[in-house]
C-alpha atoms as a PDB file:
ATOM      1  CA  MET A   1       0.000   0.000   0.000  1.00  0.00           C
ATOM      2  CA  ALA A   2       1.572   3.257  -1.130  1.00  0.00           C
ATOM      3  CA  HIS A   3       1.623   6.404   0.958  1.00  0.00           C
ATOM      4  CA  GLN A   4      -0.948   8.900  -0.279  1.00  0.00           C
ATOM      5  CA  SER A   5      -0.501  12.635  -0.033  1.00  0.00           C
ATOM      6  CA  PRO A   6      -3.147  14.470   2.024  1.00  0.00           C
ATOM      7  CA  ALA A   7      -4.735  16.098  -1.050  1.00  0.00           C
ATOM      8  CA  PRO A   8      -3.982  14.057  -4.189  1.00  0.00           C
ATOM      9  CA  ASP A   9      -6.502  15.887  -6.386  1.00  0.00           C
ATOM     10  CA  LEU A  10      -5.034  19.368  -5.832  1.00  0.00           C
ATOM     11  CA  PRO A  11      -2.344  20.738  -8.126  1.00  0.00           C
ATOM     12  CA  GLU A  12       1.075  21.342  -6.600  1.00  0.00           C
ATOM     13  CA  SER A  13       0.557  25.110  -6.443  1.00  0.00           C
ATOM     14  CA  GLN A  14      -2.486  24.688  -4.173  1.00  0.00           C
ATOM     15  CA  ARG A  15      -0.897  22.117  -1.855  1.00  0.00           C
ATOM     16  CA  ALA A  16       1.257  24.760  -0.186  1.00  0.00           C
ATOM     17  CA  ASP A  17       0.827  25.569   3.481  1.00  0.00           C
ATOM     18  CA  GLN A  18      -2.368  27.559   3.912  1.00  0.00           C
ATOM     19  CA  SER A  19      -0.799  29.805   6.541  1.00  0.00           C
ATOM     20  CA  ASP A  20       1.051  31.533   3.678  1.00  0.00           C
ATOM     21  CA  ASP A  21      -2.230  32.491   2.028  1.00  0.00           C
ATOM     22  CA  PRO A  22      -2.528  36.310   2.069  1.00  0.00           C
ATOM     23  CA  SER A  23      -6.332  36.109   1.893  1.00  0.00           C
ATOM     24  CA  LEU A  24      -6.555  34.634   5.385  1.00  0.00           C
ATOM     25  CA  PRO A  25      -7.252  37.068   8.228  1.00  0.00           C
ATOM     26  CA  GLN A  26      -4.299  37.913  10.440  1.00  0.00           C
ATOM     27  CA  GLY A  27      -5.729  36.119  13.494  1.00  0.00           C
ATOM     28  CA  SER A  28      -5.836  32.711  11.808  1.00  0.00           C
ATOM     29  CA  ARG A  29      -2.146  32.638  10.940  1.00  0.00           C
ATOM     30  CA  PRO A  30       0.267  30.979  13.366  1.00  0.00           C
ATOM     31  CA  GLU A  31       2.529  33.568  14.963  1.00  0.00           C
ATOM     32  CA  ASP A  32       5.935  31.906  15.055  1.00  0.00           C
ATOM     33  CA  ASP A  33       7.884  35.120  15.656  1.00  0.00           C
ATOM     34  CA  ASP A  34       6.008  36.244  18.776  1.00  0.00           C
ATOM     35  CA  PRO A  35       8.694  37.740  21.068  1.00  0.00           C
ATOM     36  CA  LYS A  36       6.667  37.094  24.240  1.00  0.00           C
ATOM     37  CA  VAL A  37       6.692  33.312  23.841  1.00  0.00           C
ATOM     38  CA  THR A  38      10.255  32.080  23.477  1.00  0.00           C
ATOM     39  CA  ALA A  39      11.764  28.944  24.919  1.00  0.00           C
ATOM     40  CA  GLY A  40      14.711  30.662  26.580  1.00  0.00           C
ATOM     41  CA  SER A  41      12.985  33.419  28.557  1.00  0.00           C
ATOM     42  CA  PRO A  42      10.464  32.630  31.308  1.00  0.00           C
ATOM     43  CA  LYS A  43       7.645  35.026  32.037  1.00  0.00           C
ATOM     44  CA  PRO A  44       8.559  37.696  34.632  1.00  0.00           C
ATOM     45  CA  TRP A  45       5.674  36.804  36.961  1.00  0.00           C
ATOM     46  CA  LEU A  46       6.873  33.204  37.033  1.00  0.00           C
ATOM     47  CA  LEU A  47      10.367  34.293  38.038  1.00  0.00           C
ATOM     48  CA  ILE A  48       8.981  36.570  40.780  1.00  0.00           C
ATOM     49  CA  ALA A  49       6.751  33.768  42.075  1.00  0.00           C
ATOM     50  CA  LEU A  50       9.700  31.374  42.247  1.00  0.00           C
ATOM     51  CA  VAL A  51      11.820  33.900  44.163  1.00  0.00           C
ATOM     52  CA  VAL A  52       9.005  34.562  46.661  1.00  0.00           C
ATOM     53  CA  LEU A  53       8.468  30.817  47.101  1.00  0.00           C
ATOM     54  CA  ALA A  54      12.187  30.284  47.692  1.00  0.00           C
ATOM     55  CA  VAL A  55      12.229  33.023  50.354  1.00  0.00           C
ATOM     56  CA  PHE A  56       9.286  31.410  52.151  1.00  0.00           C
ATOM     57  CA  VAL A  57      10.898  27.959  52.029  1.00  0.00           C
ATOM     58  CA  VAL A  58      14.201  29.278  53.405  1.00  0.00           C
ATOM     59  CA  ALA A  59      12.379  31.178  56.176  1.00  0.00           C
ATOM     60  CA  PHE A  60      10.268  28.129  57.085  1.00  0.00           C
ATOM     61  CA  VAL A  61      13.238  25.752  57.208  1.00  0.00           C
ATOM     62  CA  GLY A  62      15.268  28.327  59.136  1.00  0.00           C
ATOM     63  CA  ALA A  63      12.478  28.734  61.699  1.00  0.00           C
ATOM     64  CA  ILE A  64      12.274  24.969  62.192  1.00  0.00           C
ATOM     65  CA  ILE A  65      16.051  24.675  62.637  1.00  0.00           C
ATOM     66  CA  TRP A  66      16.087  27.666  65.004  1.00  0.00           C
ATOM     67  CA  GLY A  67      13.257  26.129  67.067  1.00  0.00           C
ATOM     68  CA  VAL A  68      14.968  22.742  67.303  1.00  0.00           C
ATOM     69  CA  VAL A  69      18.294  24.298  68.326  1.00  0.00           C
ATOM     70  CA  ARG A  70      16.591  26.525  70.911  1.00  0.00           C
ATOM     71  CA  LEU A  71      14.697  23.610  72.499  1.00  0.00           C
ATOM     72  CA  ALA A  72      17.797  21.443  72.681  1.00  0.00           C
END
């Protein structure tokens, strides 16, 4: 059984990716060059949340250690 292309009845010029079609509205095109969503840079609120969480964890562990040392 041979592999069939997704649209065998279309000519080669119409088989191109439809995201390149200029007649499509701007909202239906995939935005690959969006600067806000890149793999290397986390969102600022996520970084702030992680820092705040780390401060709370350090304070909580420090309070437990301080309490154990004080009771001993």
